Amino acid sequence: MTYKEEFIEFLVECNALRFGEFELKSGRLAPYFINTGMFDTGLKIKRLGGFYARAIQEHFSDRFDGIYGPAYKGIPLCISAASALADLGLDKGYVFNRKEAKTYADKSVVVGMPLTAESRLILVDDVITSGKAIRESLEVLKSCGNPRVSGIIISVNREEKGKTDANALKEVEKTLGIPIHAIVTITDIKTRLHNRRINGRIILDDRMLSKINAYLEQYGAG
């Protein structure tokens, strides 16, 4: 089993991937939903960091100096990913931002490794929709040594349209000029889970697959 297949089954086991009917921020009614807030134990977040680390290593090798996680969900992601990278023999730094600047002692907007214009960071986050949060992160980093964000890793590429008919991730990638990679795509998820038993039950049957395909027919963009 590949790490991508392991990750998909891990999403199911943690109830972080659910099928049904979910209203998204965009107003769309989606037949699937990813909630990375379900990684709520030490073992789960450790395993999650391992998947991010393997994706980082696959796409960026060792061509970076640290991992950046935007508050709040990105904080455990950057720490667990950096820890997992160390287990893989890559001891890199990590850094995250504060939502509110301190008014005493260390007043830095970020916490973690020191940053300079020569620092190369990989940004980790759960999902990307409009890219607004990523742009905010880039503004924060400009004021903290202006390091270079070499790439972005997220959990799942929903393969949906953004503001145009183009893939939302590709829109953000083009706008920012930063490569974005997901650990898995919704196509990977469909392929792995369709009529497969996970812990004794079928998670994605023919009926639900038809709903997902119909949704992607309307909103999809590979």
N, C-alpha and C. Protein backbone atom coordinates (compact mmCIF):
# COMPACT_ATOMS: atom_id res chain seq x y z
N MET A 1 0.84 -1.19 0.00
CA MET A 1 0.00 0.00 0.00
C MET A 1 0.88 1.25 0.00
N THR A 2 0.59 2.20 -0.89
CA THR A 2 1.37 3.43 -0.94
C THR A 2 0.98 4.34 0.22
N TYR A 3 1.80 5.35 0.47
CA TYR A 3 1.47 6.27 1.57
C TYR A 3 0.20 7.06 1.26
N LYS A 4 -0.08 7.28 -0.01
CA LYS A 4 -1.31 7.98 -0.39
C LYS A 4 -2.53 7.11 -0.04
N GLU A 5 -2.46 5.83 -0.35
CA GLU A 5 -3.55 4.91 -0.02
C GLU A 5 -3.71 4.79 1.50
N GLU A 6 -2.59 4.74 2.20
CA GLU A 6 -2.63 4.71 3.67
C GLU A 6 -3.31 5.96 4.21
N PHE A 7 -3.00 7.10 3.61
CA PHE A 7 -3.56 8.37 4.07
C PHE A 7 -5.08 8.40 3.88
N ILE A 8 -5.55 7.90 2.76
CA ILE A 8 -6.99 7.87 2.50
C ILE A 8 -7.71 7.02 3.54
N GLU A 9 -7.17 5.86 3.85
CA GLU A 9 -7.79 5.00 4.85
C GLU A 9 -7.67 5.62 6.25
N PHE A 10 -6.60 6.32 6.47
CA PHE A 10 -6.41 7.05 7.74
C PHE A 10 -7.49 8.13 7.89
N LEU A 11 -7.80 8.84 6.82
CA LEU A 11 -8.86 9.85 6.85
C LEU A 11 -10.19 9.23 7.27
N VAL A 12 -10.47 8.06 6.73
CA VAL A 12 -11.72 7.36 7.06
C VAL A 12 -11.73 6.90 8.51
N GLU A 13 -10.63 6.29 8.93
CA GLU A 13 -10.54 5.77 10.30
C GLU A 13 -10.72 6.87 11.34
N CYS A 14 -10.24 8.07 11.03
CA CYS A 14 -10.34 9.19 11.97
C CYS A 14 -11.65 9.97 11.82
N ASN A 15 -12.49 9.55 10.88
CA ASN A 15 -13.74 10.25 10.58
C ASN A 15 -13.48 11.68 10.09
N ALA A 16 -12.31 11.89 9.51
CA ALA A 16 -11.96 13.20 8.96
C ALA A 16 -12.50 13.35 7.54
N LEU A 17 -12.82 12.22 6.91
CA LEU A 17 -13.43 12.22 5.59
C LEU A 17 -14.83 11.64 5.73
N ARG A 18 -15.83 12.44 5.37
CA ARG A 18 -17.21 12.01 5.52
C ARG A 18 -17.96 12.20 4.21
N PHE A 19 -18.93 11.32 4.00
CA PHE A 19 -19.78 11.40 2.82
C PHE A 19 -21.22 11.65 3.27
N GLY A 20 -21.93 12.46 2.49
CA GLY A 20 -23.30 12.82 2.85
C GLY A 20 -23.71 14.06 2.08
N GLU A 21 -24.15 15.09 2.79
CA GLU A 21 -24.48 16.38 2.17
C GLU A 21 -24.00 17.49 3.09
N PHE A 22 -23.11 18.32 2.59
CA PHE A 22 -22.48 19.35 3.41
C PHE A 22 -22.48 20.67 2.66
N GLU A 23 -22.97 21.72 3.31
CA GLU A 23 -22.94 23.05 2.71
C GLU A 23 -21.57 23.67 2.95
N LEU A 24 -20.91 24.02 1.89
CA LEU A 24 -19.58 24.61 1.98
C LEU A 24 -19.67 26.12 2.12
N LYS A 25 -18.54 26.74 2.44
CA LYS A 25 -18.48 28.18 2.59
C LYS A 25 -18.88 28.87 1.29
N SER A 26 -18.61 28.20 0.19
CA SER A 26 -18.94 28.75 -1.13
C SER A 26 -20.44 28.71 -1.43
N GLY A 27 -21.19 27.97 -0.59
CA GLY A 27 -22.62 27.81 -0.82
C GLY A 27 -22.96 26.53 -1.57
N ARG A 28 -21.93 25.85 -2.08
CA ARG A 28 -22.15 24.58 -2.77
C ARG A 28 -22.56 23.49 -1.77
N LEU A 29 -23.42 22.57 -2.23
CA LEU A 29 -23.79 21.41 -1.43
C LEU A 29 -22.95 20.23 -1.91
N ALA A 30 -21.94 19.88 -1.12
CA ALA A 30 -20.99 18.85 -1.52
C ALA A 30 -21.34 17.50 -0.89
N PRO A 31 -21.08 16.41 -1.60
CA PRO A 31 -21.35 15.07 -1.06
C PRO A 31 -20.20 14.52 -0.22
N TYR A 32 -19.16 15.32 -0.02
CA TYR A 32 -18.04 14.88 0.82
C TYR A 32 -17.47 16.09 1.56
N PHE A 33 -16.82 15.80 2.67
CA PHE A 33 -16.29 16.88 3.51
C PHE A 33 -15.03 16.38 4.21
N ILE A 34 -14.02 17.22 4.25
CA ILE A 34 -12.77 16.88 4.94
C ILE A 34 -12.61 17.78 6.15
N ASN A 35 -12.49 17.19 7.32
CA ASN A 35 -12.35 17.94 8.57
C ASN A 35 -11.09 17.49 9.29
N THR A 36 -10.01 18.24 9.11
CA THR A 36 -8.74 17.84 9.73
C THR A 36 -8.71 18.13 11.22
N GLY A 37 -9.77 18.74 11.74
CA GLY A 37 -9.88 18.91 13.19
C GLY A 37 -10.10 17.61 13.92
N MET A 38 -10.36 16.53 13.17
CA MET A 38 -10.59 15.22 13.78
C MET A 38 -9.31 14.52 14.20
N PHE A 39 -8.17 15.07 13.85
CA PHE A 39 -6.89 14.48 14.27
C PHE A 39 -6.57 15.01 15.67
N ASP A 40 -7.26 14.46 16.66
CA ASP A 40 -7.29 15.08 17.98
C ASP A 40 -6.59 14.30 19.09
N THR A 41 -5.72 13.38 18.73
CA THR A 41 -4.91 12.68 19.74
C THR A 41 -3.45 12.73 19.32
N GLY A 42 -2.59 12.42 20.25
CA GLY A 42 -1.16 12.43 19.95
C GLY A 42 -0.80 11.49 18.82
N LEU A 43 -1.37 10.28 18.84
CA LEU A 43 -1.05 9.30 17.80
C LEU A 43 -1.55 9.76 16.43
N LYS A 44 -2.75 10.32 16.39
CA LYS A 44 -3.32 10.77 15.11
C LYS A 44 -2.49 11.90 14.51
N ILE A 45 -2.14 12.90 15.34
CA ILE A 45 -1.40 14.03 14.79
C ILE A 45 0.02 13.61 14.41
N LYS A 46 0.56 12.63 15.12
CA LYS A 46 1.88 12.10 14.76
C LYS A 46 1.83 11.43 13.40
N ARG A 47 0.80 10.61 13.19
CA ARG A 47 0.65 9.93 11.90
C ARG A 47 0.39 10.94 10.78
N LEU A 48 -0.43 11.95 11.08
CA LEU A 48 -0.71 12.97 10.08
C LEU A 48 0.57 13.68 9.65
N GLY A 49 1.39 14.03 10.63
CA GLY A 49 2.67 14.68 10.31
C GLY A 49 3.54 13.81 9.42
N GLY A 50 3.45 12.50 9.62
CA GLY A 50 4.22 11.57 8.80
C GLY A 50 3.80 11.63 7.33
N PHE A 51 2.49 11.74 7.09
CA PHE A 51 2.02 11.82 5.70
C PHE A 51 2.46 13.14 5.05
N TYR A 52 2.38 14.22 5.81
CA TYR A 52 2.86 15.50 5.27
C TYR A 52 4.35 15.43 4.97
N ALA A 53 5.10 14.81 5.87
CA ALA A 53 6.55 14.71 5.69
C ALA A 53 6.89 13.93 4.42
N ARG A 54 6.17 12.86 4.18
CA ARG A 54 6.46 12.06 2.98
C ARG A 54 6.10 12.82 1.71
N ALA A 55 5.03 13.60 1.76
CA ALA A 55 4.67 14.41 0.60
C ALA A 55 5.70 15.51 0.37
N ILE A 56 6.16 16.13 1.46
CA ILE A 56 7.19 17.17 1.35
C ILE A 56 8.46 16.60 0.74
N GLN A 57 8.86 15.44 1.24
CA GLN A 57 10.08 14.81 0.74
C GLN A 57 9.93 14.41 -0.73
N GLU A 58 8.73 13.93 -1.10
CA GLU A 58 8.50 13.52 -2.50
C GLU A 58 8.60 14.70 -3.45
N HIS A 59 8.01 15.81 -3.08
CA HIS A 59 7.93 16.95 -4.00
C HIS A 59 9.09 17.94 -3.90
N PHE A 60 9.73 18.01 -2.72
CA PHE A 60 10.76 19.03 -2.53
C PHE A 60 12.09 18.48 -2.05
N SER A 61 12.18 17.16 -1.88
CA SER A 61 13.42 16.52 -1.44
C SER A 61 13.92 17.21 -0.17
N ASP A 62 15.16 17.73 -0.19
CA ASP A 62 15.67 18.44 0.99
C ASP A 62 15.94 19.91 0.67
N ARG A 63 15.27 20.43 -0.38
CA ARG A 63 15.56 21.78 -0.86
C ARG A 63 14.73 22.83 -0.11
N PHE A 64 14.84 22.83 1.18
CA PHE A 64 14.14 23.81 2.01
C PHE A 64 14.80 23.82 3.38
N ASP A 65 14.50 24.86 4.17
CA ASP A 65 15.11 25.01 5.48
C ASP A 65 14.14 24.79 6.64
N GLY A 66 12.85 24.94 6.37
CA GLY A 66 11.91 24.79 7.46
C GLY A 66 10.48 24.68 6.97
N ILE A 67 9.59 24.38 7.92
CA ILE A 67 8.16 24.22 7.65
C ILE A 67 7.41 25.35 8.34
N TYR A 68 6.52 26.00 7.59
CA TYR A 68 5.71 27.08 8.16
C TYR A 68 4.25 26.64 8.23
N GLY A 69 3.62 26.87 9.39
CA GLY A 69 2.21 26.56 9.55
C GLY A 69 1.42 27.78 9.97
N PRO A 70 0.45 28.22 9.18
CA PRO A 70 -0.37 29.37 9.56
C PRO A 70 -1.32 29.02 10.70
N ALA A 71 -1.41 29.91 11.69
CA ALA A 71 -2.31 29.67 12.83
C ALA A 71 -3.76 29.65 12.32
N TYR A 72 -4.61 28.77 12.87
CA TYR A 72 -4.28 27.89 13.99
C TYR A 72 -4.01 26.46 13.53
N LYS A 73 -4.75 26.01 12.52
CA LYS A 73 -4.64 24.60 12.13
C LYS A 73 -3.25 24.23 11.63
N GLY A 74 -2.53 25.21 11.11
CA GLY A 74 -1.20 24.92 10.59
C GLY A 74 -0.15 24.71 11.67
N ILE A 75 -0.46 25.10 12.91
CA ILE A 75 0.54 24.98 13.98
C ILE A 75 0.87 23.52 14.27
N PRO A 76 -0.11 22.66 14.61
CA PRO A 76 0.25 21.26 14.82
C PRO A 76 0.78 20.59 13.56
N LEU A 77 0.34 21.06 12.39
CA LEU A 77 0.82 20.45 11.15
C LEU A 77 2.31 20.70 10.95
N CYS A 78 2.77 21.94 11.16
CA CYS A 78 4.19 22.22 10.91
C CYS A 78 5.08 21.53 11.93
N ILE A 79 4.62 21.45 13.18
CA ILE A 79 5.43 20.80 14.22
C ILE A 79 5.50 19.30 13.99
N SER A 80 4.35 18.67 13.71
CA SER A 80 4.35 17.21 13.51
C SER A 80 5.08 16.84 12.22
N ALA A 81 4.96 17.67 11.19
CA ALA A 81 5.67 17.39 9.94
C ALA A 81 7.18 17.51 10.12
N ALA A 82 7.62 18.55 10.85
CA ALA A 82 9.05 18.71 11.10
C ALA A 82 9.60 17.55 11.92
N SER A 83 8.83 17.10 12.91
CA SER A 83 9.24 15.97 13.73
C SER A 83 9.35 14.70 12.88
N ALA A 84 8.37 14.48 11.99
CA ALA A 84 8.40 13.30 11.13
C ALA A 84 9.55 13.36 10.13
N LEU A 85 9.85 14.56 9.63
CA LEU A 85 10.99 14.72 8.73
C LEU A 85 12.29 14.35 9.42
N ALA A 86 12.41 14.72 10.70
CA ALA A 86 13.61 14.36 11.47
C ALA A 86 13.76 12.84 11.54
N ASP A 87 12.62 12.14 11.70
CA ASP A 87 12.66 10.67 11.72
C ASP A 87 13.11 10.11 10.38
N LEU A 88 12.88 10.88 9.30
CA LEU A 88 13.31 10.47 7.96
C LEU A 88 14.73 10.91 7.65
N GLY A 89 15.40 11.54 8.62
CA GLY A 89 16.78 11.97 8.44
C GLY A 89 16.93 13.40 7.96
N LEU A 90 15.81 14.17 7.95
CA LEU A 90 15.86 15.58 7.55
C LEU A 90 15.49 16.44 8.74
N ASP A 91 16.48 16.95 9.43
CA ASP A 91 16.22 17.78 10.61
C ASP A 91 16.09 19.25 10.17
N LYS A 92 14.85 19.68 9.99
CA LYS A 92 14.57 21.03 9.51
C LYS A 92 13.88 21.85 10.60
N GLY A 93 13.84 23.15 10.41
CA GLY A 93 13.18 24.01 11.38
C GLY A 93 11.68 24.04 11.18
N TYR A 94 11.01 24.69 12.11
CA TYR A 94 9.58 24.95 11.94
C TYR A 94 9.29 26.33 12.49
N VAL A 95 8.19 26.93 12.01
CA VAL A 95 7.81 28.27 12.45
C VAL A 95 6.32 28.45 12.19
N PHE A 96 5.66 29.18 13.07
CA PHE A 96 4.25 29.50 12.88
C PHE A 96 4.01 30.92 13.36
N ASN A 97 2.89 31.48 12.95
CA ASN A 97 2.59 32.86 13.33
C ASN A 97 1.66 32.93 14.54
N ARG A 98 1.70 34.06 15.22
CA ARG A 98 0.73 34.34 16.28
C ARG A 98 -0.47 35.04 15.63
N LYS A 99 -1.65 34.73 16.12
CA LYS A 99 -2.84 35.44 15.64
C LYS A 99 -2.85 36.88 16.16
N GLU A 100 -2.32 37.05 17.38
CA GLU A 100 -2.26 38.38 17.98
C GLU A 100 -0.85 38.63 18.47
N ALA A 101 -0.30 39.77 18.10
CA ALA A 101 1.07 40.10 18.51
C ALA A 101 1.15 40.32 20.01
N LYS A 102 2.26 39.85 20.62
CA LYS A 102 2.48 40.09 22.05
C LYS A 102 2.91 41.54 22.27
N THR A 103 2.56 42.05 23.42
CA THR A 103 2.92 43.44 23.75
C THR A 103 4.05 43.49 24.77
N TYR A 104 4.66 42.34 25.08
CA TYR A 104 5.74 42.29 26.06
C TYR A 104 6.75 41.23 25.65
N ALA A 105 7.95 41.29 26.28
CA ALA A 105 9.03 40.32 26.03
C ALA A 105 9.25 40.14 24.53
N ASP A 106 9.18 38.88 24.06
CA ASP A 106 9.38 38.60 22.64
C ASP A 106 8.14 39.03 21.86
N LYS A 107 8.25 40.12 21.13
CA LYS A 107 7.10 40.68 20.42
C LYS A 107 7.02 40.21 18.97
N SER A 108 7.82 39.21 18.63
CA SER A 108 7.82 38.71 17.25
C SER A 108 6.44 38.18 16.86
N VAL A 109 6.11 38.37 15.59
CA VAL A 109 4.82 37.90 15.07
C VAL A 109 4.84 36.39 14.85
N VAL A 110 6.04 35.82 14.76
CA VAL A 110 6.17 34.38 14.54
C VAL A 110 6.92 33.71 15.68
N VAL A 111 6.74 32.39 15.79
CA VAL A 111 7.40 31.59 16.82
C VAL A 111 8.12 30.44 16.12
N GLY A 112 9.39 30.24 16.46
CA GLY A 112 10.12 29.12 15.88
C GLY A 112 11.46 29.54 15.33
N MET A 113 11.86 28.91 14.25
CA MET A 113 13.19 29.13 13.67
C MET A 113 13.38 30.59 13.25
N PRO A 114 14.62 31.10 13.31
CA PRO A 114 14.88 32.46 12.83
C PRO A 114 14.72 32.53 11.32
N LEU A 115 14.22 33.65 10.83
CA LEU A 115 13.95 33.80 9.40
C LEU A 115 14.77 34.93 8.80
N THR A 116 15.28 34.68 7.60
CA THR A 116 15.97 35.71 6.83
C THR A 116 15.47 35.63 5.39
N ALA A 117 15.95 36.53 4.56
CA ALA A 117 15.55 36.52 3.15
C ALA A 117 16.07 35.27 2.43
N GLU A 118 17.06 34.60 3.01
CA GLU A 118 17.61 33.39 2.40
C GLU A 118 16.88 32.13 2.84
N SER A 119 16.02 32.23 3.85
CA SER A 119 15.30 31.05 4.35
C SER A 119 14.31 30.55 3.31
N ARG A 120 14.27 29.22 3.15
CA ARG A 120 13.33 28.61 2.20
C ARG A 120 12.33 27.78 3.02
N LEU A 121 11.05 28.10 2.88
CA LEU A 121 10.02 27.46 3.67
C LEU A 121 9.05 26.66 2.81
N ILE A 122 8.55 25.58 3.39
CA ILE A 122 7.41 24.86 2.83
C ILE A 122 6.23 25.16 3.74
N LEU A 123 5.16 25.71 3.17
CA LEU A 123 3.97 26.05 3.94
C LEU A 123 3.04 24.84 3.95
N VAL A 124 2.54 24.47 5.14
CA VAL A 124 1.60 23.35 5.25
C VAL A 124 0.26 23.87 5.78
N ASP A 125 -0.82 23.36 5.19
CA ASP A 125 -2.16 23.74 5.62
C ASP A 125 -3.08 22.57 5.35
N ASP A 126 -4.34 22.67 5.84
CA ASP A 126 -5.26 21.55 5.63
C ASP A 126 -5.83 21.56 4.22
N VAL A 127 -6.54 22.62 3.86
CA VAL A 127 -7.09 22.73 2.51
C VAL A 127 -6.93 24.18 2.04
N ILE A 128 -7.14 24.39 0.75
CA ILE A 128 -7.12 25.74 0.18
C ILE A 128 -8.39 25.93 -0.62
N THR A 129 -9.07 27.04 -0.39
CA THR A 129 -10.24 27.37 -1.20
C THR A 129 -9.91 28.58 -2.06
N SER A 130 -10.03 29.77 -1.50
CA SER A 130 -9.77 30.99 -2.27
C SER A 130 -8.29 31.38 -2.25
N GLY A 131 -7.54 30.86 -1.29
CA GLY A 131 -6.14 31.25 -1.17
C GLY A 131 -5.94 32.47 -0.28
N LYS A 132 -7.04 33.00 0.29
CA LYS A 132 -6.96 34.20 1.12
C LYS A 132 -6.02 33.99 2.31
N ALA A 133 -6.16 32.85 3.00
CA ALA A 133 -5.32 32.57 4.18
C ALA A 133 -3.84 32.47 3.80
N ILE A 134 -3.57 31.91 2.62
CA ILE A 134 -2.18 31.80 2.16
C ILE A 134 -1.60 33.19 1.90
N ARG A 135 -2.38 34.04 1.25
CA ARG A 135 -1.90 35.40 0.98
C ARG A 135 -1.63 36.16 2.27
N GLU A 136 -2.49 35.95 3.26
CA GLU A 136 -2.28 36.58 4.57
C GLU A 136 -0.97 36.08 5.19
N SER A 137 -0.70 34.80 5.05
CA SER A 137 0.54 34.23 5.59
C SER A 137 1.76 34.84 4.92
N LEU A 138 1.68 35.02 3.61
CA LEU A 138 2.81 35.61 2.88
C LEU A 138 3.08 37.04 3.34
N GLU A 139 2.02 37.78 3.65
CA GLU A 139 2.18 39.15 4.15
C GLU A 139 2.85 39.14 5.52
N VAL A 140 2.45 38.18 6.37
CA VAL A 140 3.07 38.04 7.69
C VAL A 140 4.56 37.77 7.54
N LEU A 141 4.91 36.86 6.64
CA LEU A 141 6.31 36.48 6.48
C LEU A 141 7.16 37.61 5.90
N LYS A 142 6.56 38.45 5.07
CA LYS A 142 7.30 39.59 4.51
C LYS A 142 7.83 40.49 5.62
N SER A 143 7.05 40.61 6.69
CA SER A 143 7.45 41.47 7.80
C SER A 143 8.36 40.76 8.80
N CYS A 144 8.68 39.50 8.53
CA CYS A 144 9.50 38.71 9.46
C CYS A 144 10.71 38.13 8.73
N GLY A 145 11.47 39.00 8.11
CA GLY A 145 12.68 38.55 7.42
C GLY A 145 12.48 38.28 5.94
N ASN A 146 11.21 38.26 5.50
CA ASN A 146 10.88 38.03 4.10
C ASN A 146 11.49 36.75 3.53
N PRO A 147 11.27 35.60 4.18
CA PRO A 147 11.78 34.32 3.65
C PRO A 147 11.02 33.94 2.38
N ARG A 148 11.58 33.00 1.63
CA ARG A 148 10.94 32.55 0.39
C ARG A 148 10.11 31.31 0.67
N VAL A 149 8.85 31.33 0.28
CA VAL A 149 8.00 30.13 0.38
C VAL A 149 8.20 29.35 -0.92
N SER A 150 8.87 28.22 -0.82
CA SER A 150 9.24 27.43 -2.00
C SER A 150 8.11 26.53 -2.47
N GLY A 151 7.17 26.23 -1.59
CA GLY A 151 6.08 25.34 -1.98
C GLY A 151 5.04 25.23 -0.88
N ILE A 152 3.91 24.65 -1.23
CA ILE A 152 2.79 24.48 -0.31
C ILE A 152 2.30 23.04 -0.39
N ILE A 153 2.05 22.44 0.78
CA ILE A 153 1.48 21.10 0.85
C ILE A 153 0.16 21.17 1.62
N ILE A 154 -0.91 20.62 1.02
CA ILE A 154 -2.18 20.52 1.72
C ILE A 154 -2.62 19.06 1.77
N SER A 155 -3.70 18.78 2.47
CA SER A 155 -4.12 17.39 2.64
C SER A 155 -4.82 16.84 1.40
N VAL A 156 -5.86 17.54 0.93
CA VAL A 156 -6.68 17.02 -0.17
C VAL A 156 -6.95 18.09 -1.22
N ASN A 157 -6.74 17.73 -2.47
CA ASN A 157 -7.14 18.58 -3.60
C ASN A 157 -8.55 18.15 -3.98
N ARG A 158 -9.52 19.03 -3.74
CA ARG A 158 -10.92 18.70 -4.02
C ARG A 158 -11.20 18.68 -5.52
N GLU A 159 -10.25 19.16 -6.33
CA GLU A 159 -10.38 19.17 -7.79
C GLU A 159 -11.67 19.88 -8.24
N GLU A 160 -11.90 21.05 -7.65
CA GLU A 160 -13.09 21.83 -7.97
C GLU A 160 -12.71 23.16 -8.61
N LYS A 161 -13.67 23.76 -9.28
CA LYS A 161 -13.49 25.07 -9.88
C LYS A 161 -13.33 26.12 -8.79
N GLY A 162 -12.58 27.15 -9.12
CA GLY A 162 -12.47 28.29 -8.23
C GLY A 162 -13.41 29.39 -8.71
N LYS A 163 -12.89 30.60 -8.84
CA LYS A 163 -13.69 31.73 -9.31
C LYS A 163 -13.94 31.67 -10.81
N THR A 164 -13.11 30.89 -11.51
CA THR A 164 -13.30 30.68 -12.94
C THR A 164 -13.56 29.19 -13.16
N ASP A 165 -13.45 28.74 -14.39
CA ASP A 165 -13.63 27.31 -14.66
C ASP A 165 -12.37 26.51 -14.39
N ALA A 166 -11.29 27.19 -14.00
CA ALA A 166 -10.03 26.51 -13.71
C ALA A 166 -10.05 25.90 -12.32
N ASN A 167 -9.21 24.91 -12.12
CA ASN A 167 -9.05 24.28 -10.81
C ASN A 167 -8.66 25.35 -9.78
N ALA A 168 -9.34 25.34 -8.63
CA ALA A 168 -9.12 26.37 -7.61
C ALA A 168 -7.66 26.41 -7.16
N LEU A 169 -7.06 25.23 -6.98
CA LEU A 169 -5.65 25.19 -6.55
C LEU A 169 -4.73 25.78 -7.62
N LYS A 170 -5.03 25.46 -8.87
CA LYS A 170 -4.18 25.98 -9.95
C LYS A 170 -4.33 27.50 -10.08
N GLU A 171 -5.54 28.01 -9.79
CA GLU A 171 -5.75 29.45 -9.79
C GLU A 171 -4.84 30.12 -8.76
N VAL A 172 -4.87 29.56 -7.53
CA VAL A 172 -4.06 30.12 -6.45
C VAL A 172 -2.58 29.97 -6.77
N GLU A 173 -2.20 28.81 -7.29
CA GLU A 173 -0.80 28.54 -7.64
C GLU A 173 -0.30 29.55 -8.66
N LYS A 174 -1.13 29.83 -9.67
CA LYS A 174 -0.74 30.78 -10.71
C LYS A 174 -0.64 32.20 -10.16
N THR A 175 -1.60 32.57 -9.31
CA THR A 175 -1.61 33.91 -8.73
C THR A 175 -0.39 34.15 -7.85
N LEU A 176 -0.05 33.16 -7.03
CA LEU A 176 1.04 33.31 -6.08
C LEU A 176 2.41 32.98 -6.68
N GLY A 177 2.41 32.19 -7.74
CA GLY A 177 3.68 31.76 -8.31
C GLY A 177 4.41 30.76 -7.42
N ILE A 178 3.64 29.97 -6.67
CA ILE A 178 4.21 28.99 -5.74
C ILE A 178 3.60 27.62 -6.05
N PRO A 179 4.42 26.57 -6.23
CA PRO A 179 3.86 25.24 -6.48
C PRO A 179 3.07 24.71 -5.29
N ILE A 180 1.89 24.16 -5.57
CA ILE A 180 1.03 23.61 -4.52
C ILE A 180 0.79 22.13 -4.82
N HIS A 181 0.99 21.29 -3.81
CA HIS A 181 0.76 19.86 -3.96
C HIS A 181 -0.15 19.37 -2.83
N ALA A 182 -1.03 18.44 -3.15
CA ALA A 182 -1.88 17.81 -2.15
C ALA A 182 -1.38 16.38 -1.91
N ILE A 183 -1.56 15.90 -0.68
CA ILE A 183 -1.18 14.52 -0.41
C ILE A 183 -2.00 13.59 -1.30
N VAL A 184 -3.32 13.85 -1.41
CA VAL A 184 -4.18 13.07 -2.30
C VAL A 184 -5.19 13.99 -2.97
N THR A 185 -5.83 13.48 -4.01
CA THR A 185 -6.90 14.19 -4.69
C THR A 185 -8.22 13.46 -4.47
N ILE A 186 -9.32 14.11 -4.82
CA ILE A 186 -10.61 13.44 -4.69
C ILE A 186 -10.68 12.24 -5.64
N THR A 187 -9.97 12.30 -6.76
CA THR A 187 -9.91 11.16 -7.67
C THR A 187 -9.21 9.98 -7.01
N ASP A 188 -8.11 10.26 -6.31
CA ASP A 188 -7.42 9.20 -5.55
C ASP A 188 -8.36 8.55 -4.55
N ILE A 189 -9.14 9.40 -3.87
CA ILE A 189 -10.07 8.92 -2.84
C ILE A 189 -11.14 8.03 -3.46
N LYS A 190 -11.72 8.47 -4.57
CA LYS A 190 -12.74 7.65 -5.24
C LYS A 190 -12.18 6.29 -5.65
N THR A 191 -11.00 6.31 -6.24
CA THR A 191 -10.37 5.08 -6.72
C THR A 191 -10.09 4.11 -5.59
N ARG A 192 -9.59 4.63 -4.48
CA ARG A 192 -9.21 3.76 -3.36
C ARG A 192 -10.41 3.22 -2.59
N LEU A 193 -11.45 4.04 -2.42
CA LEU A 193 -12.53 3.65 -1.51
C LEU A 193 -13.75 3.02 -2.17
N HIS A 194 -13.91 3.15 -3.47
CA HIS A 194 -15.12 2.65 -4.11
C HIS A 194 -15.30 1.14 -3.86
N ASN A 195 -16.37 0.81 -3.16
CA ASN A 195 -16.74 -0.57 -2.82
C ASN A 195 -15.66 -1.33 -2.05
N ARG A 196 -14.77 -0.60 -1.40
CA ARG A 196 -13.74 -1.24 -0.57
C ARG A 196 -14.19 -1.24 0.89
N ARG A 197 -14.01 -2.35 1.56
CA ARG A 197 -14.37 -2.44 2.97
C ARG A 197 -13.25 -1.89 3.85
N ILE A 198 -13.60 -0.93 4.70
CA ILE A 198 -12.67 -0.38 5.68
C ILE A 198 -13.27 -0.68 7.05
N ASN A 199 -12.53 -1.43 7.85
CA ASN A 199 -13.04 -1.86 9.17
C ASN A 199 -14.42 -2.52 9.06
N GLY A 200 -14.56 -3.34 8.04
CA GLY A 200 -15.77 -4.14 7.91
C GLY A 200 -16.93 -3.49 7.20
N ARG A 201 -16.79 -2.25 6.76
CA ARG A 201 -17.92 -1.63 6.07
C ARG A 201 -17.47 -0.87 4.83
N ILE A 202 -18.37 -0.79 3.88
CA ILE A 202 -18.11 -0.07 2.63
C ILE A 202 -18.41 1.41 2.86
N ILE A 203 -17.44 2.23 2.67
CA ILE A 203 -17.57 3.66 2.92
C ILE A 203 -18.15 4.38 1.71
N LEU A 204 -17.73 3.95 0.54
CA LEU A 204 -18.12 4.63 -0.70
C LEU A 204 -18.75 3.61 -1.65
N ASP A 205 -20.08 3.55 -1.64
CA ASP A 205 -20.78 2.59 -2.50
C ASP A 205 -21.14 3.23 -3.84
N ASP A 206 -21.82 2.46 -4.69
CA ASP A 206 -22.16 2.95 -6.03
C ASP A 206 -23.03 4.21 -5.98
N ARG A 207 -23.97 4.22 -5.04
CA ARG A 207 -24.90 5.36 -4.93
C ARG A 207 -24.15 6.64 -4.59
N MET A 208 -23.26 6.57 -3.59
CA MET A 208 -22.52 7.76 -3.20
C MET A 208 -21.52 8.17 -4.27
N LEU A 209 -20.93 7.20 -4.94
CA LEU A 209 -20.00 7.53 -6.03
C LEU A 209 -20.73 8.29 -7.13
N SER A 210 -21.97 7.89 -7.42
CA SER A 210 -22.76 8.59 -8.44
C SER A 210 -23.00 10.03 -8.03
N LYS A 211 -23.26 10.27 -6.74
CA LYS A 211 -23.47 11.63 -6.25
C LYS A 211 -22.21 12.47 -6.39
N ILE A 212 -21.07 11.87 -6.06
CA ILE A 212 -19.80 12.59 -6.17
C ILE A 212 -19.51 12.92 -7.62
N ASN A 213 -19.74 11.95 -8.51
CA ASN A 213 -19.48 12.19 -9.94
C ASN A 213 -20.40 13.27 -10.49
N ALA A 214 -21.66 13.29 -10.03
CA ALA A 214 -22.59 14.32 -10.48
C ALA A 214 -22.15 15.70 -9.99
N TYR A 215 -21.69 15.75 -8.76
CA TYR A 215 -21.20 17.01 -8.18
C TYR A 215 -19.98 17.52 -8.96
N LEU A 216 -19.06 16.61 -9.25
CA LEU A 216 -17.85 16.99 -9.98
C LEU A 216 -18.14 17.33 -11.44
N GLU A 217 -19.21 16.75 -11.96
CA GLU A 217 -19.62 17.10 -13.32
C GLU A 217 -20.00 18.58 -13.39
N GLN A 218 -20.58 19.07 -12.28
CA GLN A 218 -21.00 20.46 -12.22
C GLN A 218 -19.89 21.39 -11.77
N TYR A 219 -19.14 20.97 -10.76
CA TYR A 219 -18.15 21.87 -10.15
C TYR A 219 -16.69 21.42 -10.32
N GLY A 220 -16.49 20.27 -10.89
CA GLY A 220 -15.13 19.72 -10.96
C GLY A 220 -14.23 20.42 -11.95
N ALA A 221 -12.94 20.37 -11.64
CA ALA A 221 -11.89 20.89 -12.54
C ALA A 221 -10.60 20.21 -12.13
N GLY A 222 -10.20 19.21 -12.87
CA GLY A 222 -9.04 18.40 -12.52
C GLY A 222 -7.72 19.14 -12.64
